[in-house]
Amino acid sequence: MIKLIKAEWLYDKEIRLSFSDGSYGVMDFSPLLSKKTAMTLPLESSQYFCRFFLELGALCSTLRPFTLSGVEGRSG
């Protein structure tokens, strides 16, 4: 099974995706985000769009704000 192994934010709404078979490509998410749904509206901000990560070979995003400590609501 081919898995997504690396994702790099290039600029604006483009992410370079690299796969376990050595293939790669650039995905422009602009057409998807233009749908303006409840799920895509927060991702229009580059501040949130670039907060993606890989989990089990899938591209995931979090819309929860990050803090400097990395844990929301925790001090010290």
Protein backbone atom coordinates (compact mmCIF):
# COMPACT_ATOMS: atom_id res chain seq x y z
CA MET A 1 0.00 0.00 0.00
CA ILE A 2 1.34 3.43 -0.94
CA LYS A 3 1.42 5.86 1.97
CA LEU A 4 1.84 9.57 2.32
CA ILE A 5 5.20 10.01 4.05
CA LYS A 6 5.90 13.75 3.85
CA ALA A 7 3.94 16.98 3.41
CA GLU A 8 5.52 20.41 2.98
CA TRP A 9 3.67 23.71 2.86
CA LEU A 10 4.99 25.61 -0.13
CA TYR A 11 3.00 28.85 -0.20
CA ASP A 12 -0.56 30.11 -0.18
CA LYS A 13 -2.71 26.96 -0.36
CA GLU A 14 -0.24 24.54 -1.93
CA ILE A 15 1.29 21.49 -0.24
CA ARG A 16 3.93 19.20 -1.74
CA LEU A 17 3.01 15.59 -1.00
CA SER A 18 5.60 12.78 -1.07
CA PHE A 19 4.63 9.11 -1.13
CA SER A 20 6.29 5.86 -0.07
CA ASP A 21 6.79 4.74 -3.68
CA GLY A 22 8.97 7.79 -4.43
CA SER A 23 6.28 9.74 -6.27
CA TYR A 24 5.36 13.27 -5.30
CA GLY A 25 3.19 16.13 -6.42
CA VAL A 26 1.88 19.53 -5.47
CA MET A 27 -1.74 19.82 -4.40
CA ASP A 28 -3.42 23.20 -4.70
CA PHE A 29 -6.23 23.28 -2.15
CA SER A 30 -7.68 26.59 -3.42
CA PRO A 31 -10.54 24.96 -5.40
CA LEU A 32 -11.58 22.92 -2.36
CA LEU A 33 -11.41 25.90 -0.02
CA SER A 34 -13.48 28.02 -2.41
CA LYS A 35 -16.51 25.90 -1.43
CA LYS A 36 -16.66 27.94 1.81
CA THR A 37 -18.15 25.26 4.05
CA ALA A 38 -18.04 25.19 7.84
CA MET A 39 -15.05 22.85 7.60
CA THR A 40 -13.08 24.91 5.05
CA LEU A 41 -13.68 28.49 6.22
CA PRO A 42 -11.04 28.43 9.00
CA LEU A 43 -8.47 27.03 6.54
CA GLU A 44 -8.66 30.18 4.40
CA SER A 45 -6.27 31.73 6.93
CA SER A 46 -2.65 30.78 6.23
CA GLN A 47 -2.12 30.79 10.01
CA TYR A 48 -4.38 27.73 10.26
CA PHE A 49 -3.85 26.19 6.82
CA CYS A 50 -0.16 25.49 7.45
CA ARG A 51 -0.96 23.58 10.68
CA PHE A 52 -1.20 20.13 9.20
CA PHE A 53 0.40 16.86 10.18
CA LEU A 54 0.55 13.26 9.04
CA GLU A 55 -1.20 10.53 10.96
CA LEU A 56 -1.16 6.92 9.78
CA GLY A 57 -0.31 8.05 6.26
CA ALA A 58 -3.11 10.64 6.06
CA LEU A 59 -2.92 14.42 5.86
CA CYS A 60 -4.68 15.92 8.88
CA SER A 61 -5.32 19.42 10.14
CA THR A 62 -6.05 20.92 13.52
CA LEU A 63 -8.03 24.09 14.00
CA ARG A 64 -7.30 24.29 17.72
CA PRO A 65 -5.04 27.27 18.55
CA PHE A 66 -1.52 26.40 19.65
CA THR A 67 0.21 28.02 22.60
CA LEU A 68 3.93 28.44 23.17
CA SER A 69 3.91 25.54 25.62
CA GLY A 70 2.16 23.37 23.06
CA VAL A 71 -0.69 22.59 25.45
CA GLU A 72 -3.71 24.84 25.44
CA GLY A 73 -4.79 26.17 28.83
CA ARG A 74 -1.65 25.03 30.64
CA SER A 75 0.70 27.49 32.34
CA GLY A 76 4.28 27.19 33.51
